[in-house]
C-alpha atoms as a PDB file:
ATOM      1  CA  UNK A   1       0.000   0.000   0.000  1.00  0.00           C
ATOM      2  CA  UNK A   2       1.288   3.468  -0.869  1.00  0.00           C
ATOM      3  CA  UNK A   3       2.712   5.626   1.962  1.00  0.00           C
ATOM      4  CA  UNK A   4       2.464   2.826   4.525  1.00  0.00           C
ATOM      5  CA  UNK A   5       6.171   3.029   5.378  1.00  0.00           C
ATOM      6  CA  UNK A   6       5.947   6.794   5.772  1.00  0.00           C
ATOM      7  CA  UNK A   7       3.029   6.370   8.172  1.00  0.00           C
ATOM      8  CA  UNK A   8       5.156   3.911  10.178  1.00  0.00           C
ATOM      9  CA  UNK A   9       7.704   6.702  10.714  1.00  0.00           C
ATOM     10  CA  UNK A  10       4.995   8.921  12.176  1.00  0.00           C
ATOM     11  CA  UNK A  11       3.673   6.091  14.358  1.00  0.00           C
ATOM     12  CA  UNK A  12       7.198   5.518  15.662  1.00  0.00           C
ATOM     13  CA  UNK A  13       7.395   9.147  16.783  1.00  0.00           C
ATOM     14  CA  UNK A  14       3.951   9.131  18.380  1.00  0.00           C
ATOM     15  CA  UNK A  15       4.859   6.020  20.411  1.00  0.00           C
ATOM     16  CA  UNK A  16       7.963   7.801  21.733  1.00  0.00           C
ATOM     17  CA  UNK A  17       6.574  11.258  22.461  1.00  0.00           C
ATOM     18  CA  UNK A  18       9.082  13.509  24.237  1.00  0.00           C
ATOM     19  CA  UNK A  19      11.900  10.987  23.662  1.00  0.00           C
ATOM     20  CA  UNK A  20      14.054  10.654  20.585  1.00  0.00           C
ATOM     21  CA  UNK A  21      14.100   7.095  19.267  1.00  0.00           C
ATOM     22  CA  UNK A  22      17.088   6.093  17.103  1.00  0.00           C
ATOM     23  CA  UNK A  23      16.983   7.732  13.677  1.00  0.00           C
ATOM     24  CA  UNK A  24      15.362   5.185  11.355  1.00  0.00           C
ATOM     25  CA  UNK A  25      17.650   5.544   8.338  1.00  0.00           C
ATOM     26  CA  UNK A  26      16.461   2.308   6.704  1.00  0.00           C
ATOM     27  CA  UNK A  27      12.799   3.311   6.718  1.00  0.00           C
ATOM     28  CA  UNK A  28      13.602   6.860   5.558  1.00  0.00           C
ATOM     29  CA  UNK A  29      15.572   5.429   2.611  1.00  0.00           C
ATOM     30  CA  UNK A  30      12.699   3.082   1.749  1.00  0.00           C
ATOM     31  CA  UNK A  31      10.250   6.009   1.741  1.00  0.00           C
ATOM     32  CA  UNK A  32      12.616   8.053  -0.484  1.00  0.00           C
ATOM     33  CA  UNK A  33      12.920   5.101  -2.855  1.00  0.00           C
ATOM     34  CA  UNK A  34       9.129   4.784  -2.988  1.00  0.00           C
ATOM     35  CA  UNK A  35       8.848   8.505  -3.765  1.00  0.00           C
ATOM     36  CA  UNK A  36      11.316   8.161  -6.669  1.00  0.00           C
ATOM     37  CA  UNK A  37       9.528   5.116  -8.082  1.00  0.00           C
ATOM     38  CA  UNK A  38       6.118   6.771  -7.815  1.00  0.00           C
ATOM     39  CA  UNK A  39       7.472   9.932  -9.420  1.00  0.00           C
ATOM     40  CA  UNK A  40       8.887   7.984 -12.367  1.00  0.00           C
ATOM     41  CA  UNK A  41       5.594   6.109 -12.764  1.00  0.00           C
ATOM     42  CA  UNK A  42       3.657   9.384 -12.591  1.00  0.00           C
ATOM     43  CA  UNK A  43       5.857  10.930 -15.277  1.00  0.00           C
ATOM     44  CA  UNK A  44       5.327   8.008 -17.644  1.00  0.00           C
ATOM     45  CA  UNK A  45       1.558   7.921 -16.952  1.00  0.00           C
ATOM     46  CA  UNK A  46       1.347  11.693 -17.399  1.00  0.00           C
ATOM     47  CA  UNK A  47       3.226  11.503 -20.688  1.00  0.00           C
ATOM     48  CA  UNK A  48       0.902   8.713 -21.908  1.00  0.00           C
ATOM     49  CA  UNK A  49      -2.193  10.745 -20.990  1.00  0.00           C
ATOM     50  CA  UNK A  50      -0.821  13.871 -22.697  1.00  0.00           C
ATOM     51  CA  UNK A  51       0.239  11.956 -25.843  1.00  0.00           C
ATOM     52  CA  UNK A  52      -3.130  10.285 -26.287  1.00  0.00           C
ATOM     53  CA  UNK A  53      -5.265  13.360 -26.108  1.00  0.00           C
ATOM     54  CA  UNK A  54      -2.871  16.217 -26.746  1.00  0.00           C
ATOM     55  CA  UNK A  55      -3.922  17.725 -23.416  1.00  0.00           C
ATOM     56  CA  UNK A  56      -4.549  16.112 -20.058  1.00  0.00           C
ATOM     57  CA  UNK A  57      -7.973  14.562 -20.420  1.00  0.00           C
ATOM     58  CA  UNK A  58     -10.084  13.569 -17.443  1.00  0.00           C
ATOM     59  CA  UNK A  59     -11.723  10.754 -19.407  1.00  0.00           C
ATOM     60  CA  UNK A  60      -8.435   8.875 -19.927  1.00  0.00           C
ATOM     61  CA  UNK A  61      -8.237   5.532 -18.078  1.00  0.00           C
ATOM     62  CA  UNK A  62      -4.778   6.408 -16.653  1.00  0.00           C
ATOM     63  CA  UNK A  63      -6.007   9.636 -15.079  1.00  0.00           C
ATOM     64  CA  UNK A  64      -7.224   8.041 -11.777  1.00  0.00           C
ATOM     65  CA  UNK A  65      -3.933   6.132 -11.482  1.00  0.00           C
ATOM     66  CA  UNK A  66      -2.055   9.363 -12.014  1.00  0.00           C
ATOM     67  CA  UNK A  67      -4.056  11.155  -9.323  1.00  0.00           C
ATOM     68  CA  UNK A  68      -3.482   8.342  -6.805  1.00  0.00           C
ATOM     69  CA  UNK A  69       0.239   8.366  -7.583  1.00  0.00           C
ATOM     70  CA  UNK A  70       0.521  12.123  -7.091  1.00  0.00           C
ATOM     71  CA  UNK A  71      -1.425  11.918  -3.827  1.00  0.00           C
ATOM     72  CA  UNK A  72       0.865   9.109  -2.592  1.00  0.00           C
ATOM     73  CA  UNK A  73       3.982  11.164  -3.371  1.00  0.00           C
ATOM     74  CA  UNK A  74       2.553  14.176  -1.520  1.00  0.00           C
ATOM     75  CA  UNK A  75       1.629  12.032   1.478  1.00  0.00           C
ATOM     76  CA  UNK A  76       5.103  10.460   1.621  1.00  0.00           C
ATOM     77  CA  UNK A  77       6.769  13.865   1.455  1.00  0.00           C
ATOM     78  CA  UNK A  78       4.469  15.290   4.161  1.00  0.00           C
ATOM     79  CA  UNK A  79       5.201  12.315   6.439  1.00  0.00           C
ATOM     80  CA  UNK A  80       8.962  12.682   5.931  1.00  0.00           C
ATOM     81  CA  UNK A  81       8.746  16.402   6.683  1.00  0.00           C
ATOM     82  CA  UNK A  82       6.667  15.756   9.816  1.00  0.00           C
ATOM     83  CA  UNK A  83       9.127  13.067  10.981  1.00  0.00           C
ATOM     84  CA  UNK A  84      12.129  15.355  10.643  1.00  0.00           C
ATOM     85  CA  UNK A  85      10.351  18.456  11.989  1.00  0.00           C
ATOM     86  CA  UNK A  86       9.188  16.664  15.138  1.00  0.00           C
ATOM     87  CA  UNK A  87      12.651  15.229  15.762  1.00  0.00           C
ATOM     88  CA  UNK A  88      14.159  18.724  15.490  1.00  0.00           C
ATOM     89  CA  UNK A  89      11.454  20.172  17.724  1.00  0.00           C
ATOM     90  CA  UNK A  90      12.267  17.552  20.379  1.00  0.00           C
ATOM     91  CA  UNK A  91      15.967  18.357  19.998  1.00  0.00           C
ATOM     92  CA  UNK A  92      15.246  22.059  20.474  1.00  0.00           C
ATOM     93  CA  UNK A  93      13.350  21.266  23.684  1.00  0.00           C
ATOM     94  CA  UNK A  94      16.244  19.118  24.885  1.00  0.00           C
ATOM     95  CA  UNK A  95      18.651  22.022  24.314  1.00  0.00           C
ATOM     96  CA  UNK A  96      16.679  24.059  26.841  1.00  0.00           C
ATOM     97  CA  UNK A  97      16.479  21.145  29.302  1.00  0.00           C
ATOM     98  CA  UNK A  98      20.031  19.756  29.139  1.00  0.00           C
ATOM     99  CA  UNK A  99      22.050  22.724  27.927  1.00  0.00           C
ATOM    100  CA  UNK A 100      24.576  22.632  25.121  1.00  0.00           C
ATOM    101  CA  UNK A 101      25.772  19.087  25.888  1.00  0.00           C
ATOM    102  CA  UNK A 102      23.376  16.225  25.179  1.00  0.00           C
ATOM    103  CA  UNK A 103      23.476  13.048  27.253  1.00  0.00           C
ATOM    104  CA  UNK A 104      25.331  10.211  25.463  1.00  0.00           C
ATOM    105  CA  UNK A 105      22.212   8.031  25.183  1.00  0.00           C
ATOM    106  CA  UNK A 106      20.339  10.819  23.368  1.00  0.00           C
ATOM    107  CA  UNK A 107      23.303  11.663  21.128  1.00  0.00           C
ATOM    108  CA  UNK A 108      23.583   7.995  20.098  1.00  0.00           C
ATOM    109  CA  UNK A 109      20.048   8.196  18.608  1.00  0.00           C
ATOM    110  CA  UNK A 110      20.854  11.117  16.301  1.00  0.00           C
ATOM    111  CA  UNK A 111      22.139  11.096  12.747  1.00  0.00           C
ATOM    112  CA  UNK A 112      24.992  13.362  11.635  1.00  0.00           C
ATOM    113  CA  UNK A 113      22.667  16.053  10.232  1.00  0.00           C
ATOM    114  CA  UNK A 114      20.773  16.286  13.518  1.00  0.00           C
ATOM    115  CA  UNK A 115      24.027  16.566  15.489  1.00  0.00           C
ATOM    116  CA  UNK A 116      25.151  19.367  13.173  1.00  0.00           C
ATOM    117  CA  UNK A 117      21.763  21.135  13.519  1.00  0.00           C
ATOM    118  CA  UNK A 118      21.933  20.862  17.313  1.00  0.00           C
ATOM    119  CA  UNK A 119      25.425  22.361  17.463  1.00  0.00           C
ATOM    120  CA  UNK A 120      24.442  25.247  15.140  1.00  0.00           C
ATOM    121  CA  UNK A 121      21.276  25.921  17.158  1.00  0.00           C
ATOM    122  CA  UNK A 122      23.275  25.830  20.370  1.00  0.00           C
ATOM    123  CA  UNK A 123      25.900  28.244  18.990  1.00  0.00           C
ATOM    124  CA  UNK A 124      23.216  30.654  17.768  1.00  0.00           C
ATOM    125  CA  UNK A 125      21.444  30.557  21.118  1.00  0.00           C
ATOM    126  CA  UNK A 126      24.694  31.110  23.019  1.00  0.00           C
ATOM    127  CA  UNK A 127      25.630  34.015  20.743  1.00  0.00           C
ATOM    128  CA  UNK A 128      22.218  35.599  21.333  1.00  0.00           C
ATOM    129  CA  UNK A 129      22.427  35.149  25.112  1.00  0.00           C
ATOM    130  CA  UNK A 130      25.908  36.714  25.167  1.00  0.00           C
ATOM    131  CA  UNK A 131      24.585  39.759  23.295  1.00  0.00           C
ATOM    132  CA  UNK A 132      22.083  40.519  26.085  1.00  0.00           C
ATOM    133  CA  UNK A 133      23.271  42.989  28.701  1.00  0.00           C
ATOM    134  CA  UNK A 134      26.855  43.723  29.681  1.00  0.00           C
ATOM    135  CA  UNK A 135      27.882  40.192  30.659  1.00  0.00           C
ATOM    136  CA  UNK A 136      25.237  38.264  28.764  1.00  0.00           C
ATOM    137  CA  UNK A 137      22.134  36.596  30.160  1.00  0.00           C
ATOM    138  CA  UNK A 138      21.666  32.853  30.540  1.00  0.00           C
ATOM    139  CA  UNK A 139      18.078  32.286  29.414  1.00  0.00           C
ATOM    140  CA  UNK A 140      18.278  28.573  30.202  1.00  0.00           C
ATOM    141  CA  UNK A 141      18.501  29.098  33.950  1.00  0.00           C
ATOM    142  CA  UNK A 142      14.980  30.261  34.784  1.00  0.00           C
ATOM    143  CA  UNK A 143      12.698  28.212  32.574  1.00  0.00           C
ATOM    144  CA  UNK A 144       9.834  28.499  35.080  1.00  0.00           C
ATOM    145  CA  UNK A 145       9.021  31.604  37.101  1.00  0.00           C
ATOM    146  CA  UNK A 146      10.384  31.265  40.657  1.00  0.00           C
ATOM    147  CA  UNK A 147       8.012  31.036  43.592  1.00  0.00           C
ATOM    148  CA  UNK A 148      10.647  32.411  45.968  1.00  0.00           C
ATOM    149  CA  UNK A 149      13.998  34.126  45.592  1.00  0.00           C
ATOM    150  CA  UNK A 150      15.771  31.817  48.061  1.00  0.00           C
ATOM    151  CA  UNK A 151      15.631  28.037  48.113  1.00  0.00           C
ATOM    152  CA  UNK A 152      17.003  25.299  50.305  1.00  0.00           C
ATOM    153  CA  UNK A 153      19.356  22.880  48.576  1.00  0.00           C
ATOM    154  CA  UNK A 154      21.282  19.766  49.542  1.00  0.00           C
ATOM    155  CA  UNK A 155      24.709  19.104  48.075  1.00  0.00           C
ATOM    156  CA  UNK A 156      24.859  15.689  46.390  1.00  0.00           C
ATOM    157  CA  UNK A 157      28.650  15.542  45.848  1.00  0.00           C
ATOM    158  CA  UNK A 158      31.825  16.926  47.384  1.00  0.00           C
ATOM    159  CA  UNK A 159      32.115  19.989  45.165  1.00  0.00           C
ATOM    160  CA  UNK A 160      34.662  22.080  47.068  1.00  0.00           C
ATOM    161  CA  UNK A 161      34.685  25.861  47.321  1.00  0.00           C
ATOM    162  CA  UNK A 162      32.007  27.828  45.481  1.00  0.00           C
ATOM    163  CA  UNK A 163      31.903  31.623  45.323  1.00  0.00           C
ATOM    164  CA  UNK A 164      28.577  33.427  45.172  1.00  0.00           C
ATOM    165  CA  UNK A 165      28.099  36.631  43.190  1.00  0.00           C
ATOM    166  CA  UNK A 166      28.310  38.733  46.375  1.00  0.00           C
ATOM    167  CA  UNK A 167      31.792  37.330  47.162  1.00  0.00           C
ATOM    168  CA  UNK A 168      30.725  34.821  49.832  1.00  0.00           C
ATOM    169  CA  UNK A 169      32.666  31.564  49.588  1.00  0.00           C
ATOM    170  CA  UNK A 170      30.887  28.330  50.530  1.00  0.00           C
ATOM    171  CA  UNK A 171      32.416  24.916  51.110  1.00  0.00           C
ATOM    172  CA  UNK A 172      30.107  22.433  49.420  1.00  0.00           C
ATOM    173  CA  UNK A 173      30.360  18.982  50.983  1.00  0.00           C
ATOM    174  CA  UNK A 174      28.181  15.980  50.319  1.00  0.00           C
ATOM    175  CA  UNK A 175      24.841  16.087  52.216  1.00  0.00           C
ATOM    176  CA  UNK A 176      25.403  19.694  53.415  1.00  0.00           C
ATOM    177  CA  UNK A 177      22.343  21.959  53.286  1.00  0.00           C
ATOM    178  CA  UNK A 178      22.303  25.582  52.212  1.00  0.00           C
ATOM    179  CA  UNK A 179      19.721  28.352  51.909  1.00  0.00           C
ATOM    180  CA  UNK A 180      20.799  30.242  48.788  1.00  0.00           C
ATOM    181  CA  UNK A 181      19.458  32.638  46.169  1.00  0.00           C
ATOM    182  CA  UNK A 182      17.722  30.687  43.451  1.00  0.00           C
ATOM    183  CA  UNK A 183      19.736  32.406  40.728  1.00  0.00           C
ATOM    184  CA  UNK A 184      23.005  31.175  42.307  1.00  0.00           C
ATOM    185  CA  UNK A 185      22.069  27.499  42.379  1.00  0.00           C
ATOM    186  CA  UNK A 186      19.836  26.837  39.348  1.00  0.00           C
ATOM    187  CA  UNK A 187      22.809  25.885  37.190  1.00  0.00           C
ATOM    188  CA  UNK A 188      24.265  23.590  39.878  1.00  0.00           C
ATOM    189  CA  UNK A 189      20.868  21.915  40.227  1.00  0.00           C
ATOM    190  CA  UNK A 190      20.763  21.138  36.498  1.00  0.00           C
ATOM    191  CA  UNK A 191      24.360  19.818  36.697  1.00  0.00           C
ATOM    192  CA  UNK A 192      23.382  17.444  39.504  1.00  0.00           C
ATOM    193  CA  UNK A 193      25.522  19.085  42.221  1.00  0.00           C
ATOM    194  CA  UNK A 194      22.517  20.329  44.236  1.00  0.00           C
ATOM    195  CA  UNK A 195      19.119  18.867  44.942  1.00  0.00           C
ATOM    196  CA  UNK A 196      16.289  21.317  45.596  1.00  0.00           C
ATOM    197  CA  UNK A 197      14.634  20.512  48.929  1.00  0.00           C
ATOM    198  CA  UNK A 198      10.941  21.250  48.742  1.00  0.00           C
END
């Protein structure tokens, strides 16, 4: 059946919503091959219809076949575009969640073009954030509006000395608790150094 493989790509994404499954190169190649074969068939059918009547005639017996072929090509292309768009959209979301370095298990599921897109997106975002203000502004720190300016955190590892923006130096030892400004510890929370105590 036409476009069945392309629909399988979309089903694969819908089963793994919010997670990037491994890039299905084999199925993408099969869909591209089907598109080429359908396009060649459509060209020959279109030429036969035009040669018989001089102009495309709706009464020709090949006309319905031609219409089905064109619709199948369009559907395959739309499915391929949706597959790639949704993968890139998930990657963009992951850039905001994980920062500029993807976890190895996620990176293993990407193809070379997606890795290149991610690095370009990350560079563009970093360049934009550095252009904001005098010292730049990290937009990835406060993804949700804070409920309070200070939070209590527990140190998960022996981190050593850490200097706050006001010049205070803290010694961060495993299982030590601190009451700190949210802006000072958001990045360490995402790195896994601190755990927010609610």
